[in-house]
């Protein structure tokens, strides 16, 4: 059973264990340095909205937040899923929940994100969950390698009704 709640400080240490290497951390949290620390999470959430922890059977399984509220949209950020829970549905639940939160709490019509071209698994996940690519930007990994940042968006409002209907916050 999936549940969620606002992120609390005691979640930080567990979340720090989710990225298994520097490349995974870059995909999840490009401004962080490996290994992820509670201090990096704490600093990041100061500038983010709705930091949310996701659970499967009461076990912390994922984390995400929103940022960049502007006009009719905001951005989904720091999507971090525990290796133990990848491929089991928590990411879909995270997307649905964060979409509902964005509509209910921020009154946005679109949820945007940037996914790196080398993160095939995430690109397939977002596409499966109705995100549409609309732009590509150049990103630079910490080792200097240039990769593509694929900008994607999800329309949250269809004919005046929110697509996602479960309660948020």
C-alpha atoms as a PDB file:
ATOM      1  CA  UNK A   1       0.000   0.000   0.000  1.00  0.00           C
ATOM      2  CA  UNK A   2       1.350   3.415  -1.007  1.00  0.00           C
ATOM      3  CA  UNK A   3       1.141   6.473   1.227  1.00  0.00           C
ATOM      4  CA  UNK A   4       2.839   9.857   1.389  1.00  0.00           C
ATOM      5  CA  UNK A   5       3.419  12.759   3.740  1.00  0.00           C
ATOM      6  CA  UNK A   6       5.473  15.915   4.003  1.00  0.00           C
ATOM      7  CA  UNK A   7       9.190  15.273   4.267  1.00  0.00           C
ATOM      8  CA  UNK A   8      10.631  15.417   7.797  1.00  0.00           C
ATOM      9  CA  UNK A   9      14.248  15.674   8.911  1.00  0.00           C
ATOM     10  CA  UNK A  10      14.374  12.069  10.108  1.00  0.00           C
ATOM     11  CA  UNK A  11      13.784  10.954   6.468  1.00  0.00           C
ATOM     12  CA  UNK A  12      17.018  12.534   5.199  1.00  0.00           C
ATOM     13  CA  UNK A  13      19.425   9.752   6.215  1.00  0.00           C
ATOM     14  CA  UNK A  14      17.352   7.057   4.480  1.00  0.00           C
ATOM     15  CA  UNK A  15      17.001   9.140   1.315  1.00  0.00           C
ATOM     16  CA  UNK A  16      20.788   9.581   1.266  1.00  0.00           C
ATOM     17  CA  UNK A  17      21.118   5.819   0.817  1.00  0.00           C
ATOM     18  CA  UNK A  18      19.018   5.740  -2.389  1.00  0.00           C
ATOM     19  CA  UNK A  19      21.588   6.941  -4.995  1.00  0.00           C
ATOM     20  CA  UNK A  20      24.064   4.058  -5.427  1.00  0.00           C
ATOM     21  CA  UNK A  21      26.718   6.065  -7.288  1.00  0.00           C
ATOM     22  CA  UNK A  22      27.562   9.559  -8.566  1.00  0.00           C
ATOM     23  CA  UNK A  23      25.753   9.045 -11.876  1.00  0.00           C
ATOM     24  CA  UNK A  24      22.474   8.051 -10.202  1.00  0.00           C
ATOM     25  CA  UNK A  25      22.769  11.027  -7.872  1.00  0.00           C
ATOM     26  CA  UNK A  26      23.334  13.352 -10.831  1.00  0.00           C
ATOM     27  CA  UNK A  27      20.093  12.141 -12.441  1.00  0.00           C
ATOM     28  CA  UNK A  28      18.168  12.639  -9.201  1.00  0.00           C
ATOM     29  CA  UNK A  29      19.803  15.759  -7.840  1.00  0.00           C
ATOM     30  CA  UNK A  30      22.216  17.428 -10.323  1.00  0.00           C
ATOM     31  CA  UNK A  31      23.496  20.057  -7.895  1.00  0.00           C
ATOM     32  CA  UNK A  32      24.474  17.522  -5.212  1.00  0.00           C
ATOM     33  CA  UNK A  33      27.815  15.792  -4.795  1.00  0.00           C
ATOM     34  CA  UNK A  34      28.193  12.084  -4.101  1.00  0.00           C
ATOM     35  CA  UNK A  35      27.648  10.737  -1.569  1.00  0.00           C
ATOM     36  CA  UNK A  36      24.399  12.532  -0.812  1.00  0.00           C
ATOM     37  CA  UNK A  37      24.249  13.937   2.715  1.00  0.00           C
ATOM     38  CA  UNK A  38      21.401  15.090   4.951  1.00  0.00           C
ATOM     39  CA  UNK A  39      22.900  18.598   4.797  1.00  0.00           C
ATOM     40  CA  UNK A  40      22.553  18.677   1.006  1.00  0.00           C
ATOM     41  CA  UNK A  41      18.897  17.642   1.258  1.00  0.00           C
ATOM     42  CA  UNK A  42      18.227  20.200   3.980  1.00  0.00           C
ATOM     43  CA  UNK A  43      19.804  22.993   1.918  1.00  0.00           C
ATOM     44  CA  UNK A  44      17.881  22.000  -1.217  1.00  0.00           C
ATOM     45  CA  UNK A  45      14.435  21.835   0.383  1.00  0.00           C
ATOM     46  CA  UNK A  46      14.827  25.411   1.644  1.00  0.00           C
ATOM     47  CA  UNK A  47      14.251  26.537  -1.964  1.00  0.00           C
ATOM     48  CA  UNK A  48      11.669  23.918  -2.925  1.00  0.00           C
ATOM     49  CA  UNK A  49       7.944  23.484  -2.447  1.00  0.00           C
ATOM     50  CA  UNK A  50       6.005  20.522  -1.134  1.00  0.00           C
ATOM     51  CA  UNK A  51       8.934  18.209  -0.308  1.00  0.00           C
ATOM     52  CA  UNK A  52       7.187  14.862  -0.077  1.00  0.00           C
ATOM     53  CA  UNK A  53       8.171  11.411   1.191  1.00  0.00           C
ATOM     54  CA  UNK A  54       6.556   8.321  -0.332  1.00  0.00           C
ATOM     55  CA  UNK A  55       6.111   5.002   1.418  1.00  0.00           C
ATOM     56  CA  UNK A  56       5.316   1.426   0.486  1.00  0.00           C
ATOM     57  CA  UNK A  57       3.965  -0.574   3.436  1.00  0.00           C
ATOM     58  CA  UNK A  58       5.354   2.068   5.810  1.00  0.00           C
ATOM     59  CA  UNK A  59       8.873   1.836   4.315  1.00  0.00           C
ATOM     60  CA  UNK A  60      10.337   5.051   2.880  1.00  0.00           C
ATOM     61  CA  UNK A  61      10.523   4.350  -0.853  1.00  0.00           C
ATOM     62  CA  UNK A  62      10.886   7.695  -2.657  1.00  0.00           C
ATOM     63  CA  UNK A  63      11.155  11.461  -2.405  1.00  0.00           C
ATOM     64  CA  UNK A  64      10.286  14.406  -4.677  1.00  0.00           C
ATOM     65  CA  UNK A  65       9.498  18.099  -4.542  1.00  0.00           C
ATOM     66  CA  UNK A  66       8.239  20.968  -6.681  1.00  0.00           C
ATOM     67  CA  UNK A  67       9.975  24.200  -7.661  1.00  0.00           C
ATOM     68  CA  UNK A  68       9.911  27.080 -10.124  1.00  0.00           C
ATOM     69  CA  UNK A  69       6.283  28.118  -9.819  1.00  0.00           C
ATOM     70  CA  UNK A  70       5.537  30.393 -12.754  1.00  0.00           C
ATOM     71  CA  UNK A  71       2.217  31.349 -14.360  1.00  0.00           C
ATOM     72  CA  UNK A  72       0.486  28.063 -15.245  1.00  0.00           C
ATOM     73  CA  UNK A  73       3.245  25.588 -14.361  1.00  0.00           C
ATOM     74  CA  UNK A  74       5.823  24.345 -11.880  1.00  0.00           C
ATOM     75  CA  UNK A  75       8.652  21.824 -12.055  1.00  0.00           C
ATOM     76  CA  UNK A  76       8.993  18.354 -10.568  1.00  0.00           C
ATOM     77  CA  UNK A  77      12.397  17.930  -8.970  1.00  0.00           C
ATOM     78  CA  UNK A  78      14.676  15.653  -7.009  1.00  0.00           C
ATOM     79  CA  UNK A  79      12.786  12.494  -7.906  1.00  0.00           C
ATOM     80  CA  UNK A  80      14.638   9.868  -5.886  1.00  0.00           C
ATOM     81  CA  UNK A  81      13.415   6.257  -5.655  1.00  0.00           C
ATOM     82  CA  UNK A  82      14.953   3.617  -3.435  1.00  0.00           C
ATOM     83  CA  UNK A  83      16.746   0.893  -5.444  1.00  0.00           C
ATOM     84  CA  UNK A  84      14.658  -1.623  -3.505  1.00  0.00           C
ATOM     85  CA  UNK A  85      11.435  -0.102  -4.883  1.00  0.00           C
ATOM     86  CA  UNK A  86      12.371   0.665  -8.495  1.00  0.00           C
ATOM     87  CA  UNK A  87      10.132  -0.877 -11.118  1.00  0.00           C
ATOM     88  CA  UNK A  88       7.384  -1.642  -8.604  1.00  0.00           C
ATOM     89  CA  UNK A  89       4.997   1.304  -9.096  1.00  0.00           C
ATOM     90  CA  UNK A  90       6.135   3.845  -6.509  1.00  0.00           C
ATOM     91  CA  UNK A  91       7.369   6.250  -9.208  1.00  0.00           C
ATOM     92  CA  UNK A  92       3.952   6.188 -10.909  1.00  0.00           C
ATOM     93  CA  UNK A  93       2.325   6.892  -7.534  1.00  0.00           C
ATOM     94  CA  UNK A  94       4.839   9.706  -6.940  1.00  0.00           C
ATOM     95  CA  UNK A  95       3.996  11.328 -10.295  1.00  0.00           C
ATOM     96  CA  UNK A  96       0.247  11.050  -9.688  1.00  0.00           C
ATOM     97  CA  UNK A  97       0.552  12.451  -6.175  1.00  0.00           C
ATOM     98  CA  UNK A  98       2.878  15.325  -7.060  1.00  0.00           C
ATOM     99  CA  UNK A  99       0.592  16.190  -9.993  1.00  0.00           C
ATOM    100  CA  UNK A 100      -2.413  16.326  -7.672  1.00  0.00           C
ATOM    101  CA  UNK A 101      -0.476  18.433  -5.155  1.00  0.00           C
ATOM    102  CA  UNK A 102       0.585  20.833  -7.925  1.00  0.00           C
ATOM    103  CA  UNK A 103      -3.022  21.320  -9.009  1.00  0.00           C
ATOM    104  CA  UNK A 104      -4.552  21.557  -5.548  1.00  0.00           C
ATOM    105  CA  UNK A 105      -1.894  23.577  -3.720  1.00  0.00           C
ATOM    106  CA  UNK A 106      -0.368  25.652  -6.527  1.00  0.00           C
ATOM    107  CA  UNK A 107      -3.248  25.850  -9.043  1.00  0.00           C
ATOM    108  CA  UNK A 108      -1.016  24.971 -11.993  1.00  0.00           C
ATOM    109  CA  UNK A 109      -2.080  23.471 -15.293  1.00  0.00           C
ATOM    110  CA  UNK A 110       1.227  21.862 -16.277  1.00  0.00           C
ATOM    111  CA  UNK A 111       3.955  19.956 -14.502  1.00  0.00           C
ATOM    112  CA  UNK A 112       7.387  20.173 -16.129  1.00  0.00           C
ATOM    113  CA  UNK A 113      10.657  18.344 -15.610  1.00  0.00           C
ATOM    114  CA  UNK A 114      14.078  17.842 -17.161  1.00  0.00           C
ATOM    115  CA  UNK A 115      15.313  14.300 -17.739  1.00  0.00           C
ATOM    116  CA  UNK A 116      18.811  13.547 -19.005  1.00  0.00           C
ATOM    117  CA  UNK A 117      19.076  11.673 -22.308  1.00  0.00           C
ATOM    118  CA  UNK A 118      21.352   9.071 -20.713  1.00  0.00           C
ATOM    119  CA  UNK A 119      18.658   8.180 -18.141  1.00  0.00           C
ATOM    120  CA  UNK A 120      16.682   5.845 -20.384  1.00  0.00           C
ATOM    121  CA  UNK A 121      14.733   4.221 -17.557  1.00  0.00           C
ATOM    122  CA  UNK A 122      13.383   7.591 -16.371  1.00  0.00           C
ATOM    123  CA  UNK A 123      12.606   8.759 -19.921  1.00  0.00           C
ATOM    124  CA  UNK A 124      10.494   5.655 -20.452  1.00  0.00           C
ATOM    125  CA  UNK A 125       8.777   6.134 -17.088  1.00  0.00           C
ATOM    126  CA  UNK A 126       7.860   9.760 -17.790  1.00  0.00           C
ATOM    127  CA  UNK A 127       6.670   8.976 -21.324  1.00  0.00           C
ATOM    128  CA  UNK A 128       4.528   6.121 -19.999  1.00  0.00           C
ATOM    129  CA  UNK A 129       2.994   8.613 -17.552  1.00  0.00           C
ATOM    130  CA  UNK A 130       1.950  11.065 -20.310  1.00  0.00           C
ATOM    131  CA  UNK A 131       4.880  13.522 -20.165  1.00  0.00           C
ATOM    132  CA  UNK A 132       5.606  14.986 -23.612  1.00  0.00           C
ATOM    133  CA  UNK A 133       9.092  16.218 -24.658  1.00  0.00           C
ATOM    134  CA  UNK A 134       9.113  19.818 -25.876  1.00  0.00           C
ATOM    135  CA  UNK A 135      12.720  21.096 -25.750  1.00  0.00           C
ATOM    136  CA  UNK A 136      16.325  19.952 -25.426  1.00  0.00           C
ATOM    137  CA  UNK A 137      19.070  21.822 -23.588  1.00  0.00           C
ATOM    138  CA  UNK A 138      22.762  21.124 -23.119  1.00  0.00           C
ATOM    139  CA  UNK A 139      23.728  19.876 -19.653  1.00  0.00           C
ATOM    140  CA  UNK A 140      27.172  19.196 -18.289  1.00  0.00           C
ATOM    141  CA  UNK A 141      27.887  16.308 -15.943  1.00  0.00           C
ATOM    142  CA  UNK A 142      30.433  16.848 -13.146  1.00  0.00           C
ATOM    143  CA  UNK A 143      33.089  15.073 -15.257  1.00  0.00           C
ATOM    144  CA  UNK A 144      32.572  17.653 -18.041  1.00  0.00           C
ATOM    145  CA  UNK A 145      30.660  15.330 -20.378  1.00  0.00           C
ATOM    146  CA  UNK A 146      27.933  17.146 -22.293  1.00  0.00           C
ATOM    147  CA  UNK A 147      24.539  15.467 -22.412  1.00  0.00           C
ATOM    148  CA  UNK A 148      21.032  16.499 -23.422  1.00  0.00           C
ATOM    149  CA  UNK A 149      18.475  17.674 -20.900  1.00  0.00           C
ATOM    150  CA  UNK A 150      15.100  16.672 -22.313  1.00  0.00           C
ATOM    151  CA  UNK A 151      12.414  19.076 -21.115  1.00  0.00           C
ATOM    152  CA  UNK A 152       9.054  17.355 -20.700  1.00  0.00           C
ATOM    153  CA  UNK A 153       5.618  18.482 -19.578  1.00  0.00           C
ATOM    154  CA  UNK A 154       2.403  16.927 -18.390  1.00  0.00           C
ATOM    155  CA  UNK A 155      -0.929  18.672 -18.900  1.00  0.00           C
ATOM    156  CA  UNK A 156      -2.730  18.494 -15.544  1.00  0.00           C
ATOM    157  CA  UNK A 157      -6.013  20.089 -16.563  1.00  0.00           C
ATOM    158  CA  UNK A 158      -8.349  18.683 -19.172  1.00  0.00           C
ATOM    159  CA  UNK A 159     -11.655  20.448 -19.861  1.00  0.00           C
ATOM    160  CA  UNK A 160     -11.552  22.238 -16.539  1.00  0.00           C
ATOM    161  CA  UNK A 161     -11.033  19.108 -14.439  1.00  0.00           C
ATOM    162  CA  UNK A 162      -7.857  17.902 -12.786  1.00  0.00           C
ATOM    163  CA  UNK A 163      -6.634  14.682 -14.386  1.00  0.00           C
ATOM    164  CA  UNK A 164      -5.467  13.271 -11.060  1.00  0.00           C
ATOM    165  CA  UNK A 165      -8.258  12.915  -8.554  1.00  0.00           C
ATOM    166  CA  UNK A 166      -6.799  11.479  -5.364  1.00  0.00           C
ATOM    167  CA  UNK A 167      -6.505  13.831  -2.413  1.00  0.00           C
ATOM    168  CA  UNK A 168      -3.236  15.628  -1.822  1.00  0.00           C
ATOM    169  CA  UNK A 169      -1.949  17.279   1.305  1.00  0.00           C
END
